[in-house]
Amino acid sequence: MTPEISLRDFQSYYPYAPTALAIKECVRLHSMRQLSCEGPILDVGCGDGLFARLAFQDAEVWGIDIDGNEGRRAQASRAYSQVMLADITRARLPEGFFGSCVANCSLEHIPDLGAALRTIYKSLKPGGVLYTFLPNRDWASYMATPRALARLGLGTVSRTLCEALDNQFRHEHLEDAEGWARWFRDAGFDVPRVDPIGSTASTVTFELFLLPSLLGLVNKKLTGRWTLLPQLRMLEAVPVYALVQMLMSLNGEGTPTAEFLLEARKPL
């Protein structure tokens, strides 16, 4: 069985992302590589292009992002045939053009989610597929600290901490599996599956690296990049990966809980 986070993916991501973010993105890459995406591919909320460069080799990929700085980095990454700086709720995309669309934890941040889904729906070919990673409504409750507080009888404190985490990550929408599926069905999609991904072990390990990774957030705000000196971080990748794997094995809970991989298809 392949690991939830592979050394190859971690070595590719860690030089350019804080450890906590690298853990999450490697979990998604592991799931993405098991999917078949017909081109052209639309990447919604493409960010700096690193995910697409690692996930979609030798494919025609278009990126779209509302953030101009991220769009410029996406263009520089050479991961995309074309990069659009636009709001997905109002973007003028070619209709019936894309074979696939990918949204890597971007849709939950869009206030008018229905408008975004209708835009994506129109841009897909009949039979085209949308794959999106979305947070479980209760994702934060699977972290070690909220669970410990709940076991101590401090349920209110635990819930307050979870709400604070949701606010920090700027989630406009949080749903369970059926709640997410309803959004996509209302936009006209068929929804064959909503599969949980991201084990409790990787979620807790992500939590353990959150505070050290705050330096990356500060750096992002100051310089536009998550990390400095990526060549130096390449040398650190293998020992940090070993630490991540050790922490995951100590947590040991492999049940997928943190996120969903939702598949939505435009009817033929």
Protein backbone atom coordinates (compact mmCIF):
# COMPACT_ATOMS: atom_id res chain seq x y z
CA MET A 1 0.00 0.00 0.00
CA THR A 2 1.41 3.41 -0.97
CA PRO A 3 1.88 5.87 1.90
CA GLU A 4 -0.51 8.77 2.37
CA ILE A 5 2.49 11.10 2.00
CA SER A 6 5.26 9.91 -0.30
CA LEU A 7 8.90 10.96 0.04
CA ARG A 8 8.95 12.02 -3.60
CA ASP A 9 6.01 14.41 -3.16
CA PHE A 10 7.34 15.75 0.13
CA GLN A 11 10.74 16.46 -1.41
CA SER A 12 8.97 18.38 -4.19
CA TYR A 13 6.68 20.40 -1.91
CA TYR A 14 8.67 21.04 1.27
CA PRO A 15 11.25 23.43 -0.25
CA TYR A 16 8.45 25.82 -1.26
CA ALA A 17 5.89 25.41 1.55
CA PRO A 18 5.80 25.33 5.36
CA THR A 19 5.72 21.82 6.79
CA ALA A 20 2.03 21.92 7.77
CA LEU A 21 0.96 23.02 4.28
CA ALA A 22 3.30 20.49 2.64
CA ILE A 23 1.63 17.69 4.63
CA LYS A 24 -1.85 18.66 3.45
CA GLU A 25 -0.82 19.18 -0.18
CA CYS A 26 1.01 15.85 -0.34
CA VAL A 27 -2.09 14.05 0.94
CA ARG A 28 -4.09 15.68 -1.87
CA LEU A 29 -1.44 14.88 -4.46
CA HIS A 30 -1.61 11.23 -3.41
CA SER A 31 -5.36 11.23 -4.10
CA MET A 32 -5.07 13.29 -7.29
CA ARG A 33 -2.65 10.84 -8.89
CA GLN A 34 -5.27 8.11 -8.70
CA LEU A 35 -7.70 10.09 -10.88
CA SER A 36 -8.02 10.39 -14.63
CA CYS A 37 -8.30 13.96 -15.90
CA GLU A 38 -9.08 14.55 -19.56
CA GLY A 39 -7.68 17.75 -20.99
CA PRO A 40 -7.90 20.60 -21.24
CA ILE A 41 -7.93 20.92 -17.43
CA LEU A 42 -9.18 23.99 -15.57
CA ASP A 43 -7.46 24.64 -12.20
CA VAL A 44 -9.72 26.87 -10.08
CA GLY A 45 -7.87 28.87 -7.44
CA CYS A 46 -4.59 27.81 -8.99
CA GLY A 47 -2.33 29.69 -6.57
CA ASP A 48 1.36 29.59 -7.44
CA GLY A 49 1.02 26.59 -9.78
CA LEU A 50 3.11 24.12 -7.77
CA PHE A 51 0.28 21.64 -7.25
CA ALA A 52 -0.61 21.59 -10.95
CA ARG A 53 3.03 21.23 -11.99
CA LEU A 54 3.38 18.13 -9.83
CA ALA A 55 -0.07 16.64 -10.52
CA PHE A 56 -0.55 17.24 -14.27
CA GLN A 57 2.54 16.55 -16.29
CA ASP A 58 2.22 16.66 -20.08
CA ALA A 59 -1.36 18.01 -19.94
CA GLU A 60 -2.93 21.24 -21.17
CA VAL A 61 -3.90 23.08 -17.99
CA TRP A 62 -5.49 26.51 -17.61
CA GLY A 63 -5.26 28.29 -14.27
CA ILE A 64 -7.60 30.88 -12.81
CA ASP A 65 -7.06 32.89 -9.62
CA ILE A 66 -8.50 36.11 -8.25
CA ASP A 67 -5.19 37.09 -6.62
CA GLY A 68 -2.91 38.96 -9.01
CA ASN A 69 0.30 38.05 -7.16
CA GLU A 70 -0.57 34.35 -7.20
CA GLY A 71 -1.52 34.58 -10.86
CA ARG A 72 1.86 36.03 -11.75
CA ARG A 73 3.63 33.22 -9.89
CA ALA A 74 1.41 30.69 -11.62
CA GLN A 75 2.43 32.15 -14.97
CA ALA A 76 6.11 31.99 -13.98
CA SER A 77 5.74 28.34 -12.91
CA ARG A 78 5.12 27.28 -16.54
CA ALA A 79 2.56 24.79 -15.26
CA TYR A 80 -0.22 26.36 -17.34
CA SER A 81 -1.02 26.93 -20.98
CA GLN A 82 -2.92 30.02 -19.90
CA VAL A 83 -3.46 31.86 -16.60
CA MET A 84 -6.52 34.04 -16.05
CA LEU A 85 -6.72 36.69 -13.33
CA ALA A 86 -10.45 36.64 -12.68
CA ASP A 87 -13.24 35.95 -10.22
CA ILE A 88 -14.61 32.47 -11.01
CA THR A 89 -18.15 33.64 -10.19
CA ARG A 90 -18.01 36.13 -13.10
CA ALA A 91 -15.23 34.81 -15.34
CA ARG A 92 -15.85 34.53 -19.08
CA LEU A 93 -14.58 31.03 -19.76
CA PRO A 94 -14.99 29.22 -23.08
CA GLU A 95 -18.21 27.20 -22.89
CA GLY A 96 -18.08 23.42 -23.27
CA PHE A 97 -14.28 23.55 -23.57
CA PHE A 98 -12.69 21.79 -20.60
CA GLY A 99 -12.59 18.03 -20.19
CA SER A 100 -11.84 18.30 -16.48
CA CYS A 101 -11.74 20.84 -13.69
CA VAL A 102 -9.81 20.66 -10.42
CA ALA A 103 -10.39 22.85 -7.36
CA ASN A 104 -7.84 22.21 -4.64
CA CYS A 105 -9.44 23.50 -1.43
CA SER A 106 -10.56 26.71 -3.11
CA LEU A 107 -14.34 26.51 -3.49
CA GLU A 108 -15.08 26.64 0.25
CA HIS A 109 -13.56 30.16 0.32
CA ILE A 110 -15.94 31.59 -2.31
CA PRO A 111 -18.93 33.45 -0.81
CA ASP A 112 -21.16 32.94 -3.88
CA LEU A 113 -20.43 29.24 -4.32
CA GLY A 114 -23.51 28.65 -6.48
CA ALA A 115 -22.34 31.20 -9.07
CA ALA A 116 -18.86 29.64 -9.13
CA LEU A 117 -20.30 26.17 -9.75
CA ARG A 118 -22.54 27.43 -12.54
CA THR A 119 -19.53 29.04 -14.26
CA ILE A 120 -17.55 25.80 -14.01
CA TYR A 121 -20.54 23.78 -15.23
CA LYS A 122 -20.86 25.91 -18.38
CA SER A 123 -17.13 25.64 -19.11
CA LEU A 124 -17.06 21.82 -19.03
CA LYS A 125 -17.75 19.58 -21.98
CA PRO A 126 -20.79 17.28 -21.68
CA GLY A 127 -19.53 14.38 -19.57
CA GLY A 128 -16.73 16.56 -18.16
CA VAL A 129 -15.68 15.98 -14.56
CA LEU A 130 -14.95 18.30 -11.65
CA TYR A 131 -12.72 16.98 -8.86
CA THR A 132 -12.55 19.13 -5.76
CA PHE A 133 -11.00 18.83 -2.31
CA LEU A 134 -13.29 20.21 0.38
CA PRO A 135 -13.02 20.34 4.17
CA ASN A 136 -15.18 18.11 6.31
CA ARG A 137 -17.54 20.27 8.36
CA ASP A 138 -15.99 18.83 11.55
CA TRP A 139 -12.37 18.75 10.33
CA ALA A 140 -10.92 20.75 13.22
CA SER A 141 -12.53 18.48 15.83
CA TYR A 142 -10.21 15.65 14.75
CA MET A 143 -7.12 17.57 15.85
CA ALA A 144 -5.49 16.44 19.09
CA THR A 145 -6.11 19.63 21.10
CA PRO A 146 -9.91 19.90 20.54
CA ARG A 147 -10.28 16.16 21.25
CA ALA A 148 -8.26 16.44 24.46
CA LEU A 149 -10.35 19.39 25.62
CA ALA A 150 -13.57 17.49 24.88
CA ARG A 151 -12.34 14.47 26.87
CA LEU A 152 -11.60 16.77 29.80
CA GLY A 153 -15.22 17.93 29.76
CA LEU A 154 -14.35 21.29 28.21
CA GLY A 155 -16.66 20.91 25.23
CA THR A 156 -17.41 24.62 24.96
CA VAL A 157 -13.71 25.49 24.87
CA SER A 158 -13.13 22.75 22.29
CA ARG A 159 -15.90 24.11 20.04
CA THR A 160 -14.62 27.67 20.44
CA LEU A 161 -11.15 26.56 19.35
CA CYS A 162 -12.59 24.79 16.30
CA GLU A 163 -14.54 27.91 15.34
CA ALA A 164 -11.38 30.02 15.71
CA LEU A 165 -9.51 27.65 13.39
CA ASP A 166 -12.30 27.87 10.81
CA ASN A 167 -12.17 31.66 10.97
CA GLN A 168 -8.38 31.64 10.59
CA PHE A 169 -8.66 29.51 7.45
CA ARG A 170 -11.43 31.78 6.11
CA HIS A 171 -13.95 29.08 5.31
CA GLU A 172 -17.09 30.61 3.83
CA HIS A 173 -18.74 27.18 3.64
CA LEU A 174 -18.39 24.00 5.70
CA GLU A 175 -20.56 20.96 5.02
CA ASP A 176 -20.81 17.25 5.65
CA ALA A 177 -20.74 14.89 2.66
CA GLU A 178 -24.43 15.28 1.80
CA GLY A 179 -24.32 19.04 2.27
CA TRP A 180 -21.49 19.40 -0.22
CA ALA A 181 -23.17 17.07 -2.71
CA ARG A 182 -26.34 19.18 -2.56
CA TRP A 183 -24.47 22.31 -3.68
CA PHE A 184 -23.20 20.54 -6.80
CA ARG A 185 -26.50 18.85 -7.65
CA ASP A 186 -28.24 22.23 -7.40
CA ALA A 187 -25.79 23.51 -10.05
CA GLY A 188 -26.77 20.66 -12.41
CA PHE A 189 -23.99 18.15 -11.72
CA ASP A 190 -24.31 14.47 -11.06
CA VAL A 191 -22.31 13.54 -7.94
CA PRO A 192 -21.09 9.92 -8.15
CA ARG A 193 -19.05 10.10 -4.96
CA VAL A 194 -17.90 12.15 -2.00
CA ASP A 195 -14.99 10.22 -0.49
CA PRO A 196 -13.24 11.13 2.78
CA ILE A 197 -9.48 11.60 2.52
CA GLY A 198 -6.81 12.72 4.97
CA SER A 199 -6.36 10.43 7.96
CA THR A 200 -6.64 11.57 11.55
CA ALA A 201 -2.91 10.78 11.79
CA SER A 202 -2.02 13.30 9.07
CA THR A 203 -4.48 15.85 10.52
CA VAL A 204 -2.90 15.65 13.97
CA THR A 205 0.61 15.83 12.47
CA PHE A 206 -0.51 18.88 10.47
CA GLU A 207 -1.66 20.40 13.77
CA LEU A 208 1.72 19.74 15.42
CA PHE A 209 3.46 21.77 12.72
CA LEU A 210 0.94 24.63 12.61
CA LEU A 211 2.73 26.94 15.04
CA PRO A 212 6.20 26.50 13.45
CA SER A 213 4.56 27.07 10.06
CA LEU A 214 3.26 30.50 11.12
CA LEU A 215 6.67 31.87 10.14
CA GLY A 216 5.83 30.83 6.58
CA LEU A 217 2.56 32.79 6.77
CA VAL A 218 4.45 35.89 7.91
CA ASN A 219 6.95 35.42 5.12
CA LYS A 220 4.09 35.02 2.62
CA LYS A 221 2.59 38.34 3.68
CA LEU A 222 5.95 40.14 3.55
CA THR A 223 7.52 38.64 0.41
CA GLY A 224 4.71 36.83 -1.39
CA ARG A 225 6.47 33.48 -0.90
CA TRP A 226 5.91 30.81 1.72
CA THR A 227 9.61 30.05 2.15
CA LEU A 228 13.04 31.51 1.60
CA LEU A 229 16.16 29.58 0.57
CA PRO A 230 14.41 26.60 -1.08
CA GLN A 231 17.78 25.04 -1.94
CA LEU A 232 18.58 24.80 1.77
CA ARG A 233 15.15 23.35 2.51
CA MET A 234 15.78 20.66 -0.10
CA LEU A 235 18.60 19.40 2.11
CA GLU A 236 16.20 19.26 5.09
CA ALA A 237 13.40 17.44 3.26
CA VAL A 238 14.44 13.85 3.99
CA PRO A 239 14.97 14.22 7.79
CA VAL A 240 11.79 16.32 8.13
CA TYR A 241 9.88 13.67 6.15
CA ALA A 242 11.19 11.00 8.54
CA LEU A 243 9.93 13.08 11.47
CA VAL A 244 6.52 13.49 9.83
CA GLN A 245 6.24 9.74 9.24
CA MET A 246 7.24 9.01 12.84
CA LEU A 247 4.63 11.40 14.22
CA MET A 248 1.97 9.92 11.95
CA SER A 249 2.80 6.40 13.12
CA LEU A 250 2.58 7.52 16.77
CA ASN A 251 -0.85 9.00 16.15
CA GLY A 252 -1.69 5.85 14.25
CA GLU A 253 -5.30 6.60 13.28
CA GLY A 254 -5.61 5.90 9.58
CA THR A 255 -9.34 6.57 9.24
CA PRO A 256 -9.97 9.30 6.63
CA THR A 257 -11.64 12.23 8.37
CA ALA A 258 -10.28 15.64 7.48
CA GLU A 259 -11.41 16.36 3.93
CA PHE A 260 -13.54 15.11 1.08
CA LEU A 261 -12.68 14.39 -2.51
CA LEU A 262 -15.88 15.15 -4.39
CA GLU A 263 -16.44 14.03 -7.98
CA ALA A 264 -19.07 15.92 -9.95
CA ARG A 265 -19.95 15.22 -13.59
CA LYS A 266 -21.75 17.29 -16.18
CA PRO A 267 -24.41 15.06 -17.76
CA LEU A 268 -23.97 14.03 -21.39
